[in-house]
Amino acid sequence: MTGTTYGTPRTPRRLRRRTRVLLIVGLVAVMGVAVGAVVLFWPAGPRPLFQMPVACGEKWRLSTYPGHGEFDVDLIPTEGSAWGRPVYASYAGEVIEAGINGGLGSRTPDNPDGKRGSGGGYWVKIDHGGRWTTQYLHMLEPPMVTVGQHVEQGDQLGKVGSTGNSSSPHLHYEQRRGVQKVESYFDGKPSGITTDDAEHILYRTSNNCP
C-alpha cells in the first residue's frame, strides 16, 4: 500500500542557501552597475587653470596628425633638443599613475633610431579633483613622482623622451574630463588641437611659472 504524504515538501537546505547566495550576488551586480553609471555621468567640476607642462617662457610646437587621436597633443620645443627637457605638472593634484604603459622600446638620446615600443612608455597621470585628469606620456626615464604623491603646479614629473610607441622625442599630453578626452586648455585658452582628421601645428608659449 502506498503511503500518503500531507503538507508542502520541504526545500533542501543546500538549495535554499544557494538561492540566497545567487540573490545576493545579483543584487551586488546591479548595485555595481548603478554606481558605475552614476560615476560615469556625474558632472565634472570647473576646469582647472591648466598650464602647459613645460618650462615658463618657452615656446613649443603643439601638433597632431591623422590617426593620432582626437584632442591628443604632441609637444616639441621650437629651440634646442627635446631629449631630457623637464616635464612639469599642469596643475596641482594627486598622482594616480606613474610607471610604464605598454613596452618601453630602446630609443634614447644615444640610440634615437632604436626599437620602437608600445603604448605610452614611461608616463604619469594626475587627478586634479572635480573629475579632471591630465596624462604625460613617452618620458625618457622612470617618473620622478610616485602614486599617491601630491604635486603642485610646476613640480617636475620627469623628462621628455621617446619611450613607448613614439617615433621621436616629444611629450604626448592629454586633458580628460571624467572618462572623456577633451580639448586641452592652457592658461585659460583653448589649445586649438581638436580632431585628428589632418595634420595640425600651432605654437604656444608656456606660462607655467612660479
N, C-alpha and C. Protein backbone atom coordinates (compact mmCIF):
# COMPACT_ATOMS: atom_id res chain seq x y z
N MET A 1 0.85 -1.18 0.00
CA MET A 1 0.00 0.00 0.00
C MET A 1 0.89 1.24 0.00
N THR A 2 0.58 2.17 -0.87
CA THR A 2 1.40 3.37 -0.98
C THR A 2 0.98 4.37 0.08
N GLY A 3 2.00 4.92 0.78
CA GLY A 3 1.69 5.89 1.82
C GLY A 3 1.31 7.24 1.23
N THR A 4 0.61 8.03 1.98
CA THR A 4 0.19 9.37 1.54
C THR A 4 0.92 10.41 2.36
N THR A 5 1.51 11.41 1.67
CA THR A 5 2.24 12.48 2.34
C THR A 5 1.40 13.73 2.33
N TYR A 6 1.24 14.33 3.48
CA TYR A 6 0.45 15.55 3.58
C TYR A 6 1.36 16.75 3.83
N GLY A 7 0.91 17.96 3.41
CA GLY A 7 1.69 19.19 3.61
C GLY A 7 2.59 19.48 2.42
N THR A 8 3.35 20.60 2.51
CA THR A 8 4.23 21.04 1.43
C THR A 8 5.62 20.44 1.61
N PRO A 9 6.18 19.86 0.56
CA PRO A 9 7.51 19.27 0.68
C PRO A 9 8.52 20.34 1.07
N ARG A 10 9.46 20.03 1.92
CA ARG A 10 10.48 20.99 2.38
C ARG A 10 11.59 21.12 1.34
N THR A 11 12.01 22.37 1.09
CA THR A 11 13.12 22.63 0.17
C THR A 11 14.43 22.26 0.85
N PRO A 12 15.27 21.50 0.19
CA PRO A 12 16.55 21.11 0.80
C PRO A 12 17.34 22.35 1.26
N ARG A 13 18.01 22.23 2.40
CA ARG A 13 18.73 23.36 2.99
C ARG A 13 19.81 23.89 2.06
N ARG A 14 20.52 22.99 1.36
CA ARG A 14 21.58 23.42 0.46
C ARG A 14 21.04 24.26 -0.69
N LEU A 15 19.84 23.88 -1.21
CA LEU A 15 19.23 24.64 -2.30
C LEU A 15 18.82 26.03 -1.83
N ARG A 16 18.27 26.10 -0.60
CA ARG A 16 17.87 27.42 -0.08
C ARG A 16 19.08 28.32 0.09
N ARG A 17 20.19 27.76 0.57
CA ARG A 17 21.40 28.55 0.76
C ARG A 17 21.94 29.05 -0.58
N ARG A 18 21.94 28.16 -1.59
CA ARG A 18 22.42 28.54 -2.92
C ARG A 18 21.56 29.66 -3.51
N THR A 19 20.25 29.57 -3.30
CA THR A 19 19.35 30.60 -3.81
C THR A 19 19.64 31.95 -3.18
N ARG A 20 19.88 31.94 -1.86
CA ARG A 20 20.20 33.20 -1.17
C ARG A 20 21.49 33.81 -1.71
N VAL A 21 22.49 32.95 -1.93
CA VAL A 21 23.78 33.43 -2.44
C VAL A 21 23.60 34.06 -3.82
N LEU A 22 22.82 33.39 -4.69
CA LEU A 22 22.60 33.93 -6.03
C LEU A 22 21.88 35.27 -5.98
N LEU A 23 20.91 35.38 -5.06
CA LEU A 23 20.19 36.65 -4.93
C LEU A 23 21.11 37.76 -4.47
N ILE A 24 22.00 37.45 -3.53
CA ILE A 24 22.95 38.46 -3.03
C ILE A 24 23.91 38.88 -4.13
N VAL A 25 24.45 37.89 -4.88
CA VAL A 25 25.37 38.20 -5.97
C VAL A 25 24.69 39.07 -7.02
N GLY A 26 23.43 38.74 -7.36
CA GLY A 26 22.70 39.54 -8.33
C GLY A 26 22.47 40.95 -7.86
N LEU A 27 22.15 41.10 -6.57
CA LEU A 27 21.92 42.43 -6.01
C LEU A 27 23.20 43.26 -6.04
N VAL A 28 24.32 42.65 -5.69
CA VAL A 28 25.60 43.35 -5.71
C VAL A 28 25.95 43.78 -7.13
N ALA A 29 25.69 42.91 -8.11
CA ALA A 29 25.99 43.25 -9.51
C ALA A 29 25.16 44.44 -9.97
N VAL A 30 23.87 44.43 -9.62
CA VAL A 30 23.00 45.54 -10.01
C VAL A 30 23.47 46.83 -9.37
N MET A 31 23.84 46.77 -8.08
CA MET A 31 24.32 47.97 -7.39
C MET A 31 25.60 48.47 -8.02
N GLY A 32 26.50 47.54 -8.42
CA GLY A 32 27.74 47.94 -9.06
C GLY A 32 27.52 48.67 -10.36
N VAL A 33 26.57 48.17 -11.18
CA VAL A 33 26.25 48.83 -12.44
C VAL A 33 25.67 50.22 -12.17
N ALA A 34 24.80 50.31 -11.16
CA ALA A 34 24.19 51.60 -10.84
C ALA A 34 25.23 52.61 -10.39
N VAL A 35 26.16 52.18 -9.52
CA VAL A 35 27.22 53.08 -9.05
C VAL A 35 28.11 53.50 -10.21
N GLY A 36 28.44 52.54 -11.10
CA GLY A 36 29.27 52.87 -12.26
C GLY A 36 28.61 53.90 -13.16
N ALA A 37 27.30 53.77 -13.35
CA ALA A 37 26.57 54.72 -14.18
C ALA A 37 26.59 56.11 -13.56
N VAL A 38 26.44 56.18 -12.23
CA VAL A 38 26.47 57.47 -11.54
C VAL A 38 27.83 58.13 -11.71
N VAL A 39 28.90 57.32 -11.52
CA VAL A 39 30.26 57.86 -11.66
C VAL A 39 30.51 58.33 -13.09
N LEU A 40 30.02 57.55 -14.07
CA LEU A 40 30.27 57.87 -15.47
C LEU A 40 29.62 59.19 -15.87
N PHE A 41 28.39 59.41 -15.40
CA PHE A 41 27.63 60.57 -15.84
C PHE A 41 27.62 61.71 -14.83
N TRP A 42 28.33 61.56 -13.71
CA TRP A 42 28.39 62.63 -12.72
C TRP A 42 29.08 63.84 -13.34
N PRO A 43 28.51 65.02 -13.27
CA PRO A 43 29.10 66.18 -13.93
C PRO A 43 30.46 66.56 -13.33
N ALA A 44 31.35 66.99 -14.20
CA ALA A 44 32.67 67.41 -13.74
C ALA A 44 32.59 68.81 -13.13
N GLY A 45 33.57 69.12 -12.29
CA GLY A 45 33.67 70.45 -11.71
C GLY A 45 34.24 71.44 -12.71
N PRO A 46 34.44 72.68 -12.29
CA PRO A 46 35.00 73.70 -13.19
C PRO A 46 36.38 73.29 -13.69
N ARG A 47 36.70 73.66 -14.92
CA ARG A 47 38.01 73.34 -15.49
C ARG A 47 39.11 74.05 -14.71
N PRO A 48 40.11 73.32 -14.22
CA PRO A 48 41.24 73.99 -13.55
C PRO A 48 41.98 74.90 -14.54
N LEU A 49 42.74 75.85 -14.00
CA LEU A 49 43.53 76.73 -14.85
C LEU A 49 44.83 76.02 -15.23
N PHE A 50 44.70 75.06 -16.15
CA PHE A 50 45.86 74.28 -16.58
C PHE A 50 46.87 75.17 -17.30
N GLN A 51 48.15 74.84 -17.09
CA GLN A 51 49.24 75.48 -17.81
C GLN A 51 49.93 74.45 -18.69
N MET A 52 50.72 74.91 -19.63
CA MET A 52 51.48 73.97 -20.45
C MET A 52 52.45 73.21 -19.55
N PRO A 53 52.70 71.94 -19.86
CA PRO A 53 53.52 71.11 -18.98
C PRO A 53 55.02 71.27 -19.22
N VAL A 54 55.43 72.46 -19.60
CA VAL A 54 56.84 72.73 -19.91
C VAL A 54 57.26 74.05 -19.27
N ALA A 55 58.54 74.35 -19.37
CA ALA A 55 59.13 75.45 -18.62
C ALA A 55 58.55 76.81 -18.97
N CYS A 56 58.46 77.66 -17.96
CA CYS A 56 57.94 79.02 -18.09
C CYS A 56 58.68 79.79 -19.18
N GLY A 57 57.92 80.44 -20.06
CA GLY A 57 58.50 81.32 -21.07
C GLY A 57 58.99 80.63 -22.32
N GLU A 58 58.99 79.28 -22.36
CA GLU A 58 59.47 78.57 -23.54
C GLU A 58 58.36 78.45 -24.58
N LYS A 59 58.73 78.57 -25.86
CA LYS A 59 57.80 78.42 -26.96
C LYS A 59 57.89 76.99 -27.48
N TRP A 60 56.74 76.32 -27.57
CA TRP A 60 56.69 74.94 -28.01
C TRP A 60 55.70 74.79 -29.16
N ARG A 61 55.95 73.78 -29.98
CA ARG A 61 55.04 73.42 -31.07
C ARG A 61 54.02 72.41 -30.55
N LEU A 62 52.75 72.68 -30.78
CA LEU A 62 51.66 71.77 -30.44
C LEU A 62 51.15 71.17 -31.74
N SER A 63 51.04 69.86 -31.82
CA SER A 63 50.66 69.26 -33.10
C SER A 63 49.87 67.98 -32.91
N THR A 64 49.23 67.57 -34.01
CA THR A 64 48.59 66.27 -34.10
C THR A 64 48.64 65.85 -35.56
N TYR A 65 48.20 64.62 -35.86
CA TYR A 65 48.27 64.09 -37.22
C TYR A 65 47.19 63.02 -37.37
N PRO A 66 46.84 62.66 -38.59
CA PRO A 66 45.78 61.67 -38.80
C PRO A 66 46.06 60.36 -38.07
N GLY A 67 45.06 59.88 -37.35
CA GLY A 67 45.20 58.64 -36.61
C GLY A 67 45.79 58.79 -35.22
N HIS A 68 46.14 60.01 -34.87
CA HIS A 68 46.78 60.25 -33.57
C HIS A 68 45.80 60.12 -32.42
N GLY A 69 44.57 60.53 -32.63
CA GLY A 69 43.56 60.51 -31.57
C GLY A 69 43.05 61.92 -31.33
N GLU A 70 41.73 62.08 -31.28
CA GLU A 70 41.17 63.41 -31.06
C GLU A 70 41.63 63.99 -29.73
N PHE A 71 42.02 65.25 -29.76
CA PHE A 71 42.41 66.04 -28.60
C PHE A 71 43.80 65.66 -28.05
N ASP A 72 44.49 64.68 -28.67
CA ASP A 72 45.84 64.34 -28.22
C ASP A 72 46.82 65.40 -28.71
N VAL A 73 47.66 65.90 -27.82
CA VAL A 73 48.60 66.96 -28.16
C VAL A 73 50.03 66.44 -28.05
N ASP A 74 50.80 66.61 -29.10
CA ASP A 74 52.24 66.33 -29.06
C ASP A 74 52.97 67.66 -28.93
N LEU A 75 53.87 67.74 -27.96
CA LEU A 75 54.62 68.98 -27.72
C LEU A 75 56.09 68.77 -28.04
N ILE A 76 56.64 69.69 -28.83
CA ILE A 76 58.04 69.65 -29.22
C ILE A 76 58.59 71.08 -29.10
N PRO A 77 59.75 71.27 -28.48
CA PRO A 77 60.29 72.63 -28.34
C PRO A 77 60.69 73.21 -29.69
N THR A 78 60.56 74.52 -29.80
CA THR A 78 60.93 75.18 -31.07
C THR A 78 62.43 75.46 -31.13
N GLU A 79 63.11 75.39 -29.99
CA GLU A 79 64.55 75.62 -29.96
C GLU A 79 65.22 74.52 -29.14
N GLY A 80 66.35 74.05 -29.63
CA GLY A 80 67.11 73.05 -28.90
C GLY A 80 66.50 71.66 -29.02
N SER A 81 67.19 70.70 -28.43
CA SER A 81 66.75 69.31 -28.48
C SER A 81 65.62 69.06 -27.50
N ALA A 82 64.73 68.15 -27.87
CA ALA A 82 63.63 67.77 -26.97
C ALA A 82 64.10 66.79 -25.90
N TRP A 83 65.13 66.01 -26.18
CA TRP A 83 65.58 64.98 -25.24
C TRP A 83 65.89 65.56 -23.87
N GLY A 84 65.30 64.99 -22.85
CA GLY A 84 65.64 65.36 -21.48
C GLY A 84 65.04 66.65 -20.98
N ARG A 85 64.23 67.33 -21.77
CA ARG A 85 63.61 68.58 -21.28
C ARG A 85 62.67 68.24 -20.13
N PRO A 86 62.59 69.10 -19.11
CA PRO A 86 61.73 68.79 -17.97
C PRO A 86 60.25 68.83 -18.33
N VAL A 87 59.51 67.89 -17.73
CA VAL A 87 58.06 67.83 -17.86
C VAL A 87 57.47 68.25 -16.52
N TYR A 88 56.58 69.23 -16.55
CA TYR A 88 56.02 69.79 -15.32
C TYR A 88 54.53 69.52 -15.21
N ALA A 89 54.04 69.47 -13.97
CA ALA A 89 52.61 69.32 -13.73
C ALA A 89 51.87 70.54 -14.22
N SER A 90 50.78 70.32 -14.94
CA SER A 90 49.97 71.42 -15.46
C SER A 90 49.18 72.13 -14.38
N TYR A 91 48.89 71.39 -13.31
CA TYR A 91 48.07 71.93 -12.22
C TYR A 91 48.29 71.02 -11.02
N ALA A 92 47.96 71.52 -9.84
CA ALA A 92 48.14 70.74 -8.62
C ALA A 92 47.20 69.53 -8.61
N GLY A 93 47.62 68.46 -7.96
CA GLY A 93 46.77 67.28 -7.86
C GLY A 93 47.50 66.11 -7.25
N GLU A 94 46.89 64.94 -7.35
CA GLU A 94 47.46 63.71 -6.80
C GLU A 94 47.84 62.76 -7.92
N VAL A 95 49.03 62.21 -7.86
CA VAL A 95 49.50 61.26 -8.86
C VAL A 95 48.74 59.95 -8.68
N ILE A 96 48.06 59.50 -9.74
CA ILE A 96 47.32 58.23 -9.65
C ILE A 96 47.90 57.15 -10.55
N GLU A 97 48.80 57.51 -11.45
CA GLU A 97 49.55 56.54 -12.25
C GLU A 97 50.95 57.09 -12.43
N ALA A 98 51.94 56.22 -12.28
CA ALA A 98 53.34 56.62 -12.50
C ALA A 98 54.15 55.35 -12.73
N GLY A 99 54.59 55.15 -13.95
CA GLY A 99 55.33 53.92 -14.24
C GLY A 99 55.43 53.70 -15.73
N ILE A 100 55.13 52.46 -16.15
CA ILE A 100 55.27 52.07 -17.55
C ILE A 100 53.91 51.72 -18.13
N ASN A 101 53.61 52.30 -19.28
CA ASN A 101 52.39 51.98 -20.02
C ASN A 101 52.82 51.31 -21.32
N GLY A 102 52.54 50.01 -21.45
CA GLY A 102 52.95 49.29 -22.65
C GLY A 102 54.40 48.84 -22.56
N GLY A 103 55.11 48.88 -23.69
CA GLY A 103 56.51 48.48 -23.74
C GLY A 103 57.41 49.67 -24.02
N LEU A 104 58.57 49.70 -23.39
CA LEU A 104 59.43 50.88 -23.46
C LEU A 104 60.11 51.06 -24.81
N GLY A 105 60.51 49.99 -25.47
CA GLY A 105 61.36 50.13 -26.65
C GLY A 105 62.78 50.47 -26.22
N SER A 106 63.60 50.91 -27.18
CA SER A 106 65.00 51.17 -26.86
C SER A 106 65.50 52.49 -27.43
N ARG A 107 64.62 53.45 -27.63
CA ARG A 107 65.03 54.75 -28.18
C ARG A 107 65.54 55.65 -27.07
N THR A 108 66.75 56.14 -27.21
CA THR A 108 67.40 57.02 -26.23
C THR A 108 68.16 58.11 -26.99
N PRO A 109 68.65 59.12 -26.28
CA PRO A 109 69.46 60.14 -26.97
C PRO A 109 70.66 59.55 -27.70
N ASP A 110 71.23 58.47 -27.16
CA ASP A 110 72.39 57.84 -27.80
C ASP A 110 71.98 56.85 -28.89
N ASN A 111 70.71 56.46 -28.88
CA ASN A 111 70.21 55.49 -29.87
C ASN A 111 68.81 55.92 -30.33
N PRO A 112 68.71 57.08 -30.99
CA PRO A 112 67.39 57.63 -31.34
C PRO A 112 66.59 56.79 -32.32
N ASP A 113 67.27 55.90 -33.06
CA ASP A 113 66.59 55.05 -34.03
C ASP A 113 66.42 53.63 -33.52
N GLY A 114 66.47 53.47 -32.22
CA GLY A 114 66.31 52.14 -31.64
C GLY A 114 64.92 51.59 -31.84
N LYS A 115 64.70 50.43 -31.27
CA LYS A 115 63.41 49.74 -31.43
C LYS A 115 62.28 50.55 -30.81
N ARG A 116 61.20 50.71 -31.57
CA ARG A 116 60.01 51.40 -31.07
C ARG A 116 59.28 50.48 -30.10
N GLY A 117 58.75 51.07 -29.04
CA GLY A 117 57.99 50.30 -28.06
C GLY A 117 56.50 50.32 -28.38
N SER A 118 55.69 50.16 -27.33
CA SER A 118 54.24 50.18 -27.49
C SER A 118 53.63 51.00 -26.37
N GLY A 119 52.42 51.51 -26.60
CA GLY A 119 51.74 52.28 -25.56
C GLY A 119 52.43 53.59 -25.27
N GLY A 120 52.31 54.03 -24.03
CA GLY A 120 52.80 55.35 -23.65
C GLY A 120 54.18 55.38 -23.05
N GLY A 121 54.83 54.21 -22.90
CA GLY A 121 56.16 54.20 -22.29
C GLY A 121 56.10 54.68 -20.85
N TYR A 122 57.13 55.39 -20.41
CA TYR A 122 57.11 55.98 -19.07
C TYR A 122 56.06 57.10 -19.05
N TRP A 123 55.16 57.05 -18.07
CA TRP A 123 54.07 58.01 -18.06
C TRP A 123 53.62 58.35 -16.66
N VAL A 124 52.85 59.43 -16.58
CA VAL A 124 52.26 59.90 -15.31
C VAL A 124 50.83 60.35 -15.58
N LYS A 125 49.96 60.07 -14.64
CA LYS A 125 48.58 60.57 -14.70
C LYS A 125 48.26 61.24 -13.37
N ILE A 126 47.67 62.43 -13.43
CA ILE A 126 47.37 63.21 -12.23
C ILE A 126 45.88 63.48 -12.13
N ASP A 127 45.34 63.27 -10.94
CA ASP A 127 43.94 63.61 -10.64
C ASP A 127 43.92 65.00 -10.02
N HIS A 128 43.22 65.93 -10.67
CA HIS A 128 43.19 67.32 -10.21
C HIS A 128 41.91 67.64 -9.44
N GLY A 129 41.08 66.63 -9.18
CA GLY A 129 39.82 66.87 -8.50
C GLY A 129 38.74 67.29 -9.48
N GLY A 130 37.48 67.17 -9.06
CA GLY A 130 36.38 67.56 -9.93
C GLY A 130 36.27 66.72 -11.18
N ARG A 131 36.86 65.50 -11.15
CA ARG A 131 36.87 64.56 -12.28
C ARG A 131 37.74 65.01 -13.44
N TRP A 132 38.72 65.89 -13.15
CA TRP A 132 39.68 66.33 -14.17
C TRP A 132 41.01 65.63 -13.97
N THR A 133 41.59 65.10 -15.06
CA THR A 133 42.90 64.47 -15.00
C THR A 133 43.75 64.92 -16.19
N THR A 134 45.06 64.78 -16.03
CA THR A 134 45.99 65.01 -17.14
C THR A 134 46.92 63.82 -17.26
N GLN A 135 47.42 63.58 -18.49
CA GLN A 135 48.33 62.46 -18.75
C GLN A 135 49.56 62.96 -19.51
N TYR A 136 50.71 62.38 -19.17
CA TYR A 136 52.00 62.78 -19.72
C TYR A 136 52.72 61.49 -20.14
N LEU A 137 52.99 61.32 -21.44
CA LEU A 137 53.49 60.05 -21.96
C LEU A 137 54.82 60.19 -22.70
N HIS A 138 55.49 59.04 -22.88
CA HIS A 138 56.72 58.88 -23.65
C HIS A 138 57.94 59.50 -22.96
N MET A 139 57.92 59.58 -21.64
CA MET A 139 59.04 60.22 -20.94
C MET A 139 60.31 59.37 -21.03
N LEU A 140 61.43 60.02 -20.88
CA LEU A 140 62.74 59.41 -21.10
C LEU A 140 63.09 58.35 -20.05
N GLU A 141 62.78 58.65 -18.79
CA GLU A 141 63.20 57.82 -17.66
C GLU A 141 62.01 57.54 -16.75
N PRO A 142 62.19 56.66 -15.76
CA PRO A 142 61.11 56.44 -14.80
C PRO A 142 60.67 57.77 -14.19
N PRO A 143 59.36 57.94 -13.96
CA PRO A 143 58.86 59.20 -13.42
C PRO A 143 59.55 59.59 -12.11
N MET A 144 59.61 60.89 -11.87
CA MET A 144 60.23 61.42 -10.66
C MET A 144 59.23 61.53 -9.51
N VAL A 145 58.00 61.06 -9.75
CA VAL A 145 56.95 61.10 -8.73
C VAL A 145 56.38 59.69 -8.57
N THR A 146 55.64 59.48 -7.48
CA THR A 146 55.08 58.17 -7.20
C THR A 146 53.57 58.27 -6.98
N VAL A 147 52.88 57.15 -7.14
CA VAL A 147 51.43 57.11 -6.95
C VAL A 147 51.09 57.52 -5.52
N GLY A 148 50.09 58.39 -5.38
CA GLY A 148 49.68 58.89 -4.09
C GLY A 148 50.34 60.19 -3.69
N GLN A 149 51.36 60.60 -4.42
CA GLN A 149 52.08 61.84 -4.10
C GLN A 149 51.28 63.06 -4.55
N HIS A 150 51.25 64.09 -3.72
CA HIS A 150 50.63 65.36 -4.11
C HIS A 150 51.67 66.22 -4.81
N VAL A 151 51.28 66.80 -5.93
CA VAL A 151 52.18 67.70 -6.65
C VAL A 151 51.51 69.06 -6.81
N GLU A 152 52.33 70.07 -6.87
CA GLU A 152 51.85 71.42 -7.15
C GLU A 152 52.09 71.73 -8.63
N GLN A 153 51.38 72.71 -9.13
CA GLN A 153 51.63 73.15 -10.49
C GLN A 153 53.10 73.52 -10.63
N GLY A 154 53.75 73.02 -11.68
CA GLY A 154 55.14 73.34 -11.93
C GLY A 154 56.12 72.36 -11.32
N ASP A 155 55.65 71.41 -10.50
CA ASP A 155 56.56 70.37 -9.99
C ASP A 155 56.98 69.47 -11.14
N GLN A 156 58.26 69.08 -11.14
CA GLN A 156 58.75 68.24 -12.24
C GLN A 156 58.28 66.80 -12.07
N LEU A 157 57.77 66.24 -13.17
CA LEU A 157 57.27 64.86 -13.18
C LEU A 157 58.28 63.91 -13.81
N GLY A 158 59.07 64.42 -14.74
CA GLY A 158 60.02 63.58 -15.46
C GLY A 158 60.70 64.38 -16.55
N LYS A 159 61.16 63.66 -17.60
CA LYS A 159 61.88 64.30 -18.69
C LYS A 159 61.32 63.82 -20.03
N VAL A 160 61.36 64.69 -21.03
CA VAL A 160 60.87 64.35 -22.36
C VAL A 160 61.75 63.26 -22.97
N GLY A 161 61.09 62.26 -23.55
CA GLY A 161 61.83 61.17 -24.18
C GLY A 161 61.07 60.61 -25.36
N SER A 162 61.31 59.32 -25.64
CA SER A 162 60.66 58.67 -26.78
C SER A 162 60.38 57.21 -26.48
N THR A 163 60.00 56.91 -25.22
CA THR A 163 59.67 55.54 -24.87
C THR A 163 58.25 55.22 -25.34
N GLY A 164 57.95 53.93 -25.44
CA GLY A 164 56.64 53.52 -25.90
C GLY A 164 56.52 53.64 -27.42
N ASN A 165 55.30 53.81 -27.90
CA ASN A 165 55.04 53.91 -29.33
C ASN A 165 55.30 55.34 -29.80
N SER A 166 56.56 55.66 -29.96
CA SER A 166 56.99 57.02 -30.29
C SER A 166 58.07 56.96 -31.35
N SER A 167 57.96 57.85 -32.34
CA SER A 167 58.93 57.87 -33.43
C SER A 167 60.09 58.81 -33.18
N SER A 168 59.88 59.79 -32.28
CA SER A 168 60.91 60.78 -31.99
C SER A 168 60.61 61.42 -30.64
N PRO A 169 61.59 62.09 -30.02
CA PRO A 169 61.35 62.64 -28.68
C PRO A 169 60.30 63.75 -28.68
N HIS A 170 59.31 63.59 -27.82
CA HIS A 170 58.25 64.59 -27.67
C HIS A 170 57.46 64.23 -26.43
N LEU A 171 56.59 65.12 -26.02
CA LEU A 171 55.69 64.86 -24.90
C LEU A 171 54.27 64.74 -25.43
N HIS A 172 53.68 63.58 -25.24
CA HIS A 172 52.26 63.38 -25.57
C HIS A 172 51.46 63.75 -24.34
N TYR A 173 50.49 64.64 -24.52
CA TYR A 173 49.76 65.22 -23.39
C TYR A 173 48.26 65.16 -23.63
N GLU A 174 47.51 64.89 -22.56
CA GLU A 174 46.04 64.83 -22.66
C GLU A 174 45.41 65.48 -21.43
N GLN A 175 44.26 66.11 -21.64
CA GLN A 175 43.39 66.54 -20.55
C GLN A 175 42.10 65.75 -20.67
N ARG A 176 41.60 65.26 -19.52
CA ARG A 176 40.38 64.45 -19.52
C ARG A 176 39.39 64.99 -18.50
N ARG A 177 38.12 64.97 -18.92
CA ARG A 177 37.01 65.32 -18.05
C ARG A 177 36.23 64.03 -17.83
N GLY A 178 36.34 63.46 -16.64
CA GLY A 178 35.78 62.13 -16.43
C GLY A 178 36.55 61.13 -17.28
N VAL A 179 35.84 60.30 -18.03
CA VAL A 179 36.50 59.31 -18.88
C VAL A 179 36.75 59.84 -20.29
N GLN A 180 36.32 61.06 -20.58
CA GLN A 180 36.42 61.59 -21.93
C GLN A 180 37.60 62.53 -22.10
N LYS A 181 38.35 62.34 -23.20
CA LYS A 181 39.36 63.32 -23.58
C LYS A 181 38.66 64.56 -24.10
N VAL A 182 39.22 65.72 -23.78
CA VAL A 182 38.64 66.98 -24.23
C VAL A 182 39.77 67.86 -24.77
N GLU A 183 39.41 68.93 -25.43
CA GLU A 183 40.42 69.86 -25.93
C GLU A 183 41.21 70.43 -24.76
N SER A 184 42.53 70.40 -24.88
CA SER A 184 43.38 70.94 -23.83
C SER A 184 43.31 72.47 -23.83
N TYR A 185 43.21 73.03 -22.64
CA TYR A 185 43.25 74.48 -22.44
C TYR A 185 44.54 74.80 -21.68
N PHE A 186 45.19 75.88 -22.07
CA PHE A 186 46.38 76.32 -21.38
C PHE A 186 46.22 77.79 -21.00
N ASP A 187 46.39 78.08 -19.72
CA ASP A 187 46.25 79.44 -19.21
C ASP A 187 44.89 80.03 -19.57
N GLY A 188 43.86 79.17 -19.54
CA GLY A 188 42.50 79.62 -19.80
C GLY A 188 42.12 79.73 -21.26
N LYS A 189 43.02 79.36 -22.17
CA LYS A 189 42.75 79.49 -23.61
C LYS A 189 42.79 78.11 -24.28
N PRO A 190 41.88 77.86 -25.23
CA PRO A 190 41.88 76.56 -25.92
C PRO A 190 43.16 76.38 -26.73
N SER A 191 43.63 75.14 -26.77
CA SER A 191 44.88 74.85 -27.48
C SER A 191 44.71 74.92 -28.98
N GLY A 192 43.49 74.62 -29.46
CA GLY A 192 43.27 74.57 -30.91
C GLY A 192 43.48 73.19 -31.49
N ILE A 193 43.96 72.24 -30.68
CA ILE A 193 44.13 70.86 -31.15
C ILE A 193 42.86 70.10 -30.79
N THR A 194 42.10 69.73 -31.81
CA THR A 194 40.82 69.05 -31.56
C THR A 194 40.79 67.72 -32.31
N THR A 195 40.44 67.74 -33.59
CA THR A 195 40.34 66.49 -34.34
C THR A 195 41.69 66.09 -34.92
N ASP A 196 41.78 64.80 -35.30
CA ASP A 196 43.00 64.30 -35.94
C ASP A 196 42.73 63.96 -37.40
N ASP A 197 41.81 64.72 -38.02
CA ASP A 197 41.46 64.45 -39.41
C ASP A 197 42.57 64.88 -40.37
N ALA A 198 43.46 65.72 -39.90
CA ALA A 198 44.59 66.17 -40.71
C ALA A 198 45.70 66.65 -39.77
N GLU A 199 46.86 66.94 -40.33
CA GLU A 199 47.95 67.44 -39.50
C GLU A 199 47.65 68.87 -39.07
N HIS A 200 47.81 69.15 -37.79
CA HIS A 200 47.61 70.50 -37.27
C HIS A 200 48.84 70.89 -36.48
N ILE A 201 49.34 72.09 -36.68
CA ILE A 201 50.50 72.59 -35.97
C ILE A 201 50.21 74.00 -35.48
N LEU A 202 50.42 74.23 -34.19
CA LEU A 202 50.24 75.53 -33.56
C LEU A 202 51.44 75.81 -32.66
N TYR A 203 51.58 77.06 -32.25
CA TYR A 203 52.69 77.43 -31.39
C TYR A 203 52.16 78.20 -30.19
N ARG A 204 52.65 77.81 -29.01
CA ARG A 204 52.23 78.47 -27.80
C ARG A 204 53.42 78.66 -26.86
N THR A 205 53.38 79.73 -26.05
CA THR A 205 54.42 79.99 -25.06
C THR A 205 53.90 79.61 -23.68
N SER A 206 54.69 78.90 -22.93
CA SER A 206 54.27 78.39 -21.63
C SER A 206 54.20 79.50 -20.58
N ASN A 207 53.13 79.47 -19.79
CA ASN A 207 53.00 80.35 -18.64
C ASN A 207 53.00 79.54 -17.34
N ASN A 208 53.66 78.39 -17.40
CA ASN A 208 53.77 77.53 -16.21
C ASN A 208 54.91 78.09 -15.35
N CYS A 209 54.62 79.20 -14.70
CA CYS A 209 55.64 79.96 -13.98
C CYS A 209 55.38 79.91 -12.47
N PRO A 210 56.43 80.07 -11.67
CA PRO A 210 56.26 80.06 -10.21
C PRO A 210 55.30 81.14 -9.77
